[in-house]
Amino acid sequence: MQEELELVMRCIEIIRIREISCESCGALRRSFSRRNPYYKSIYRPKTGDTGRKRDKELPNIEDLQSLVLASHKNTGRRKIREIQNCQKKFLRKTLRQFLYKKKSTPWIKRWRNRKVNPAQPQIQQVDGGFFERFGSLLRESAEIAKEQEQKEQIECAEQAAKVITKIEEETEEDEEKKVKSDEENEEEEIAPSDTEDNKADYIAVGWNIDDLYLEILYEILHNVGCDVSYDIGQTALFSYIQDAFKMSNEKHEELLAKAEQKEAPDILLNVEIIEAKDIAPKDSSGFTDPFVTLYLTSNSSHRYNTSVKTETLNPVWEEHFALPVTDKSIEDTLCLEVWDFDPAESVREKLGKMFQVKGIKGVRKFVKEVAVTATTGQHTNELVGMARIPLKTIPASGMTMWYSLDKKNKLTRQGVVKVHLAFGSEKNQQVAAQEHRHLLRILLLHELESSQVSPYWWCGNFSGQAEAIITQHSVQSGLTVTDVALSQFAVYSSIHRDHPLNFALFSNLIDKLIKPIQTMTVSEEEAKLFWDSVKRLLPSCFATIRKIRKKCPNEKATLKMIKEVLKILSQLITIDPPENFNLFPANLYGWLSYAGEGPNCDINATLRDAISQGASDWFNYILENNQTSDNSEEGKLQNMLKIIQLVRVDLQRAIEYYDRMFQEIMNFQYAKCLYILYQVRIATMVEPEVVTMCKSLKTINYDWNCFSDSEANEPLALGTKLFELYLALQRFVVLGQGLCPADYESFHIRNFYDWFHGGVTQWLDIAVFKALKRIEKAVELDNLKPVDNTVKFSSSALDTLTIFHQIKIFWDQLNWPDVEGSYTFIAKIIDDICRCCVFYADRTSQRVEGLGDRVDVYEKRFEVTSEWCLAINNIDYVRQSLKPFTDKLGMEDVIQQLSELKSPLDAQRCQHTLNNVIENSIDTVRNKIIELLETVTNKMSPAMKRLLVEGAELFSQDSNSIDKVMRYLDNNLATLHEHLSEDNFNRILEIIWENLAEILSDLIQSNIDKRRPPSFFANLRNTLQLMVKCFKQSEGDSECDQLKKVEYLLFINGLETSELIHQVHLDRWREQQNIKQGPFGELTVRAKFEGNVLFVEVMNARNLHPMDSNGLCDSFVKVCLLPEEKFTNIQKPKTQTQNKTQFPLYDETFKINLTSEQKNIKDGLLLFSIRDKDLFGMNTQFIGEAFLHFNEIAQSTESIESHPQLQLPIHRPTNLNTDLMKALESRQGDKLAKEFVKKFKQKMVKETN
C-alpha cells in the first residue's frame, strides 16, 4: 500500500509540472476532473472566480495519504490507471493537434460579421444607422416576430392537442367537471309565440297542480319495481315532492288521504322474449324445436306461449306479451319454461328420419321415440329448462337480462334465455305526456334552485328522489322512450333560456329523437313541439359560437361545449322542419344576412353568419380597445401592427383549437371563414393609411458629385414601422394562401404590396442618397490600413459592401410578389449599386492623390505607399463583389418568371439590359483601377528615366547610380508586392513594363539623335536587364512584347559596327530560312568539317537570273566567311566562270584551314555570292547570294561526296527599313557602317533593275 501511495504522489507531481508547462491548455485538468470527483472538487472555482482560472494548490500530503489509505486497494490502483490514461490521452491529443494543425480560419468567415456591421462605427452617425435599421435590424425584428408567431403556434398546437385528446378519450358518463359560467352570455329576445306557449304551460300547471300532485302521491303509494322499495322510502319521497311542489302540510295531508282512498292502478308487466342460446338438444338429430311458456305463479292457469323455432339450439323470437299485475302481486314470480315441441308422427314417419340421427345419444333417443310411438302412440313435449324471476327484482324503468334455464336432476344449465321486462299502464298518452312535462319542469326548477347549479353544468342527472318519482310516473303512465325524450327536450330547452344547461344533454336527446322525427312515427303535435323546442334552443347555440372568444380555448370544458353545439347543429341538419316553419326569425337573429322572403331554415348559412358576425364583433372590440392617442404616422403604424398581430393570434387559435372540430362535425372551414372576413377588414383599415403615407413622402433631388448640407440633414421621412407593417401583412397573406388556396386570387389583400410601391421607390431613392453620403464618410475616415493581417483591403471597402448587403437584406425581406415590379426594383437597385461603385472608385482615387510625393534638397521623386496599394485593392474588391451581389438579388429567377409571364424575347431583352448596366459599371471601375495603376506608374516614370540615364552613362564607372536605380525599384516593387493583391500586382507589372518600354524607346531615339556611342546603349541594356530580373517573380513570368522590342533595340545599338553588320548577315540568313524557292535561282552545295578544316563543294546552280541581253549569264561563285573580321587571314575562294548558261555546273571543292577559335565561332556563316562576269572581264554584276550557317555543317571524316546536297535559294536584300539597318544608318560618322550601307543599297538597286 505504501508503494501505491508513493506512485500516486509521483503521478500528482507529474500532473503539477505538466499543468505548469501547459497552463494555457487546461485539457488535462478537464479530462482528469471528469473522471476523478476528488480532483474535480480540488479544482472547483473559488467564490467570485469566473471559471477560467482554477486554484492550482493541491492538497497536502497528509490529506492524500488519508484519502488513499481510506480507499480500497483496488480503488487506489484504479486511480493510478486513470492518471496514466489521462497522461497518455493528453500526450496523444497534443501530438495530434501538432501534426494535424488546422489552417487559419479564412478571412471571409472571420469577417462575415462585417457584412452586417460597418468597420467604422462612426459611419452610422452620418445617417443615424439608416441601413442597419432597414436592413439587419428590420430583418432581426421580422425574424423575432416570426419566431414569436411560430412559438405561439407551437404552444397553441401543443395545448390544443392535449385538450382535444382528453376530450376524445372522455365519454359522456365520465363528465363530472363543472363548466365555467358565461356571465356575459347574450340574453336573447323571446318571440311572442314562445311567450304564449310558456304562459299556457304555466297556466295549465296552475290549473292542474293539485291533480298532478295527487297523481304523484298515488304513484308513490303504488310504486312498481324494485327501485323505491330498496333504496328510498315513501317518507323521503313524500318530503321531497312536498318541497318541490311547495305544498303546505295541510294540503299535503289532504291530498295524501285522497290518494290512499283510490283503488290500486292497473299495472301490466310487459315481457319481450328476445332469444335463447346453447339450448340442450332433445331430438335424435341433435337439435331442439323450442318454444317458451310464461306465466305468473299466482295465476299459473293463465299461460302464454311463443312460436316454435324448429331444429335450432339458438332460437330468436322477439315476441311481446303483457301480463296483468295487481298491487298485491308484487311478491309474485314470473316463470319462463322452454319446451321441446314433439309433433304427432306415425312410426313410419319416425323411421323416415333415421338418417338424421347423430351420435350414440341420438340413436338411443331415436329408438326410444320409435318404441314409445309404436306402443302407446302418445306425443308429449319435453321440458328443456325453466327460469323464475321475482317481480320485486324488476326495476320500474325495466331491464333486459339473460337468465339460466335449470331442470331438476340436472346439474348443468340447459341454456340461457334473454328477456326484456318492464312495467306499464293503460293511461291516455297525450295526458300522460303533458303531466310528465309539468312534472319535469317542477322537479328541474327545484333541483336547480336547491343545488345552486352553475350555468352550463347540469347534464340531466336528477337526485335519487326526483329520479325515482320521474321513473314511476313514466312507467305508470305508459310513456315510451320517445315520449320521455321528447318531454325532456321540450322542458329542458324552455328552462335553458333562463338557466343554461349542458349542451351535451340536448345532443343526446336529439340523437334519440332523430329517427322518430325522420320516420314520422310521432304525431304532428309532437313534431311541432320538437321544432318549437329547437327554435328555443338554437339562439343559445349560435350565441355560444358568436361569443366563442369570451371563453378560454385551452380549457377542456370550452372545447367540449363547442363540440356539443356543433353536434346539435349537425344532427338538426339531417331533419327537415315542417313546411312554412321559420327556424330563424329576424327578431331573434338581427345579424343574419338572409334576404329571402320565405321562412329561413338554413343552418349552414346561419352558422356562417354567426361566425362572421362573431369575428366582426371581435375585430370591432380590438379596434375600440386599442385606440391610440398618438396621431403621428409612426403611432398609426404601430397601432395597425398590434391589431394585425391580435387578429393573427385569433386565427392561430381558430386553426389549432376549432378548425378541425368544425370540419369533422359540420364540414365547415372555420378558420377560412374567419380569414375571409379579417382580410377585408384589415385591407379596409390599412390600405388608405399606407397609400396616403407613401404619397406624402418627399422626393430627394441630389447631384452625384455634390451634396448639400440641407439634404444631408434632412430627417428620415420613412420609418421602419412602415416596412414592419409590410412584413406583417406579408406573413398574414402567406397564412391566407395556405388557408384559402382556391379563393386566394380573389382577395383584395393579396395585392397589398401595391400599397407600398411608392414607399419602396422613395426608400430606394433615400437609400442611394444615404449610401453616397456614407461612402464619402467611409473614405474620409478610412486610415488605409488593412482591416486584418490576412486581407489586403481597408475599412472603406467593407463599409461600402456593408451598405450593399443591408440593401440586399431589405430587398430579401420585401420578397416582392409582382414579377414586373420586382424587375423594376432590381433594375434600380443594380443601377444604383453600380453607380455607388463608380462613386466609391472616384472618391478613393481622390483620397490618395498627393500621397507618396517626396521632395528634398537633392531631388523630387514619387515613392509607392501602402495607401496607394490599399486604395487600388479596395476598388478592385468592391468591383469583384459587384457581380456576385447582383446574382444574389434573384435576378435570374425574375427573368425566368418574366419569360413565363410575357415571352422569352422580352425576358432576354430585360436580362441584356441589366447585364449591360453591370458590365458597363464593372468596366468603368476596372478602368478606374487601371487609371490608378497608370497614375502610380506615371509618377514613377521621371525618377526611373533619370536614374536609367545616369546608370547608362556611369555604368562602367565606380558609381552608385545603378544601386540607386535598383534600390528605388526594389523598394517600390516590394511595397507593391506586399500590399497589392496578386492580380493587381501582376497588372501593374505589365503597366510598368509598358511604361518602361516607352521610356526606353524615347531614350533610345533621343540618344541616337545625340549620337551616343554603342557603349551607352549597352550600359542601358544591362541596366534594363537588371531591372527586369527584379520584375520577374518566377521563371515562368514573361516580359511584354514592347519591352522585348526595346531590349532588342538596345542590344543592336549597343553593338560595335562590325558586330552590327554581322547581325545584318544573320538576319539575311534567317530570311533565307523562310524562302521556299529562290527568286534568283538556287545554288547546290555540300560542306563538312573535318577537324579544323572546312570542305566546301560548290556543285551547280539552277534558274539563275539572266544578266546579259541574250537572256543568259556568265556566272561564278565567291565564298566568304563571316564575320569578316574573324577571318581576315583566310583567302576567299571562288569558282571558275560558267559562260552563257542559267544552269551552270561548277563541281569545285575548296579546302579551307581554320583555327579552333574560328571553327567554334557561335554564329559563323558561309556567304555564297553569285556574280555575273561581263564580256571583257573587267566588271562583275551581282546576281544574288545565299547563306550557310556553321551549325548546318556536319562534323565528319567521310568523303564529302557522301554528304547530302544542300539547295540554297539565291536572293537579294529587299528591306532597308529594319532596326539593324536603321542602327547602321544612324552611325553617320562610322566609315565601315557607311560603306556597308552603301553596298547594301547597291544590292537592292540591282534587284530592281
Foldseek 3Di string as FASTA:
>chain_A
DVVLLVLVVVLVVVVLVVCVVVVPPCQLLVQLCVVDVVSVVQFDDDVPDPPSDTDSDDDDSVVSVVVCVVDDPVVSVVSSVSSVVSVVVVVVVVVCCVVCPDDDDDPCVVCVCLLAPFPDNVLCVLFVVLLNQLFVVLVVVLVVVVVVLVVLLVVLQVLQVVLVVVVVPDDPVPPDDFFDFDPPFDQFDDDPVVVVVVVVLVVVCVVCVLVLLLVLLLLLVLPFAQQCVPPNDSVVLLVLSCVLSVPDPVSSVVSNVVSVPDAHAWKKKKKWFFKWAQFAADAQLRFFFKKKKKDKPVCVVDIDIFDTRPGHRIGGGRDMDIHIDTSVCLQIKMKIWMKGFWDQDALVVLVVCVVSGDDPVSVVRSVVVSVCCVPPVDTDIGTRFMDMGRRRNAGQLWDKDKTWGDDPPDPDTRIITIMIIHMAHDADAVVLLSSLLSLVLSQVVVQCVVVVGAAQGAQPDGDSSSVSSSSSSCRHNRHDPLSNLLSCLLNQLVVCSVGNYHLLNVLVSLVVCLVCQQVVVDDPVSLVSNLVSLLSNVLSLLSCLLCLVVDDLSDSSSLVRVLSSLSNLLSVVVGDRDPQDASDDCSRCVQQPDDDDTHDDDSVSSSLSSLLNSLVVVLVVLCVVQDDPDPDLLVLLVSLLVSLVVLVSVLSSCVSNPQVSCCVRVVDRSSLSSLLNVLVVSCVSPLVSLLVLLVPDDADDDDLVDDDPCSSPPRDSDRSSSVSSLLSLVVSLVVNCVSCVPCSVVGPSNVVVVSCLSVVVRVLNVLLVSLSSSLLVLLVPWPLDPPDPSDQATSSLSSSSSSLSSVLSSLVSNVPPDLVSLLVVLLSSLLSSLSSLLSSLVSLLVSCPPPQWDDDPPDTAGADALSLQNSLVSSVVSLVVSVVSSVSSVLVVSLVVVCVVPNNVVSVVSVVVSVVSSVVSSVSSVVSSVVSLLVNLVRHLVVLLVLLQVQLVCVPPPDCSLVVNVVRLLRRLVSNVSNHDPVSSVVSLQVNLVSVLVSLVVVLVVVLVVVDALSSLVSSLVSVVVSVVSSDPDPPDDGDPSNVVSSVLSVLLNDDLLVLVVVVVVVVQVVQVPDPAAPQWKWKKFWAAADQKIKIWGFKIANGQADDPVRFFFKKKWKDKPPCVQVVVWDIDMFHTDPGHRIDTGGDMDITGDDPCSLVDPWMKIKIWMWGADPVRPDIHTRFIWMDTSVNHYHDPDDRVVTDMDIGHGYADADCPDSSNVSLVSPVVDPVSVVVNVVNVVRNVSVVD
